[in-house]
């Protein structure tokens, strides 16, 4: 079941010319196949690092959610600052051997 977050706030006016879209906790819980915003959903969010927008209880930023999901699935690098530094040959070998 795929959910299109782009249509979550359809009809809302753009803010400063940008299309700012947020997700409610209910929409996020349903997209992640939870029955609603329950204790289990909240603990799952804490477990993988998903936090609501500061000052807005139960409102989530889809980019933050996507980033946390990517990290949890091993799709993204955990430390984006580290991406800018070239990896040493030893680190490259360890990475190759870990995947083999």
Protein backbone atom coordinates (compact mmCIF):
# COMPACT_ATOMS: atom_id res chain seq x y z
CA UNK A 1 0.00 0.00 0.00
CA UNK A 2 1.69 3.20 -1.15
CA UNK A 3 0.69 6.58 0.16
CA UNK A 4 1.25 9.78 -1.80
CA UNK A 5 2.29 12.40 0.75
CA UNK A 6 2.32 15.11 -1.92
CA UNK A 7 -1.48 15.30 -1.84
CA UNK A 8 -1.72 15.41 1.96
CA UNK A 9 -2.18 19.18 2.06
CA UNK A 10 -3.67 19.64 -1.41
CA UNK A 11 -5.32 23.01 -1.80
CA UNK A 12 -3.15 24.78 0.76
CA UNK A 13 -1.51 28.00 -0.41
CA UNK A 14 2.27 27.95 -0.80
CA UNK A 15 4.25 29.79 1.86
CA UNK A 16 6.75 32.31 0.44
CA UNK A 17 6.46 30.71 -2.99
CA UNK A 18 7.43 27.24 -1.77
CA UNK A 19 5.14 24.29 -1.37
CA UNK A 20 5.48 23.50 2.34
CA UNK A 21 3.85 20.19 3.15
CA UNK A 22 3.63 18.58 6.57
CA UNK A 23 2.13 15.24 7.60
CA UNK A 24 -0.20 14.71 10.52
CA UNK A 25 0.53 11.93 12.97
CA UNK A 26 -2.65 10.14 11.87
CA UNK A 27 -1.58 10.16 8.21
CA UNK A 28 1.93 8.99 9.05
CA UNK A 29 0.64 6.21 11.31
CA UNK A 30 -1.72 4.95 8.60
CA UNK A 31 1.02 5.13 5.95
CA UNK A 32 3.25 2.99 8.21
CA UNK A 33 0.37 0.51 8.69
CA UNK A 34 -0.40 1.33 12.32
CA UNK A 35 -4.03 1.51 13.42
CA UNK A 36 -3.52 5.10 14.52
CA UNK A 37 -1.34 7.26 16.75
CA UNK A 38 -0.84 4.73 19.53
CA UNK A 39 1.86 4.07 22.09
CA UNK A 40 3.38 1.49 19.76
CA UNK A 41 3.51 4.03 16.91
CA UNK A 42 5.15 6.63 19.15
CA UNK A 43 7.76 4.18 20.44
CA UNK A 44 8.50 3.08 16.85
CA UNK A 45 9.03 6.74 15.88
CA UNK A 46 11.41 7.22 18.83
CA UNK A 47 13.22 4.00 17.95
CA UNK A 48 14.14 5.14 14.44
CA UNK A 49 14.53 8.84 15.27
CA UNK A 50 11.36 10.36 13.84
CA UNK A 51 10.38 13.43 15.84
CA UNK A 52 7.52 15.88 15.36
CA UNK A 53 8.19 19.42 14.18
CA UNK A 54 9.40 21.45 17.19
CA UNK A 55 6.51 23.24 18.82
CA UNK A 56 3.93 21.32 16.77
CA UNK A 57 2.74 18.17 18.51
CA UNK A 58 1.68 15.44 16.06
CA UNK A 59 2.96 17.24 12.92
CA UNK A 60 5.85 15.69 10.97
CA UNK A 61 8.19 16.88 8.22
CA UNK A 62 8.13 14.36 5.32
CA UNK A 63 11.80 15.01 4.47
CA UNK A 64 12.84 14.19 8.04
CA UNK A 65 10.65 11.08 8.02
CA UNK A 66 12.16 9.92 4.69
CA UNK A 67 15.70 10.51 5.98
CA UNK A 68 15.04 8.50 9.16
CA UNK A 69 13.48 5.66 7.17
CA UNK A 70 16.45 5.60 4.78
CA UNK A 71 18.90 5.42 7.68
CA UNK A 72 16.86 2.70 9.41
CA UNK A 73 16.85 0.62 6.23
CA UNK A 74 20.55 1.17 5.57
CA UNK A 75 19.88 3.11 2.38
CA UNK A 76 21.49 6.37 3.52
CA UNK A 77 24.71 7.19 5.31
CA UNK A 78 24.24 7.76 9.01
CA UNK A 79 26.72 10.64 9.17
CA UNK A 80 26.26 13.13 6.29
CA UNK A 81 29.32 15.18 7.42
CA UNK A 82 31.46 12.09 6.92
CA UNK A 83 30.42 11.95 3.22
CA UNK A 84 32.52 15.03 2.46
CA UNK A 85 35.75 13.44 3.72
CA UNK A 86 37.45 10.94 1.41
CA UNK A 87 37.57 7.44 2.82
CA UNK A 88 40.96 5.95 3.60
CA UNK A 89 42.00 2.80 1.77
CA UNK A 90 41.53 0.79 4.98
CA UNK A 91 37.97 2.11 5.36
CA UNK A 92 37.22 1.29 1.73
CA UNK A 93 38.53 -2.27 2.19
CA UNK A 94 36.49 -2.76 5.39
CA UNK A 95 33.39 -1.54 3.61
CA UNK A 96 33.99 -3.92 0.67
CA UNK A 97 34.66 -6.88 2.97
CA UNK A 98 31.57 -6.17 5.08
CA UNK A 99 29.39 -6.35 1.96
CA UNK A 100 30.95 -9.59 0.71
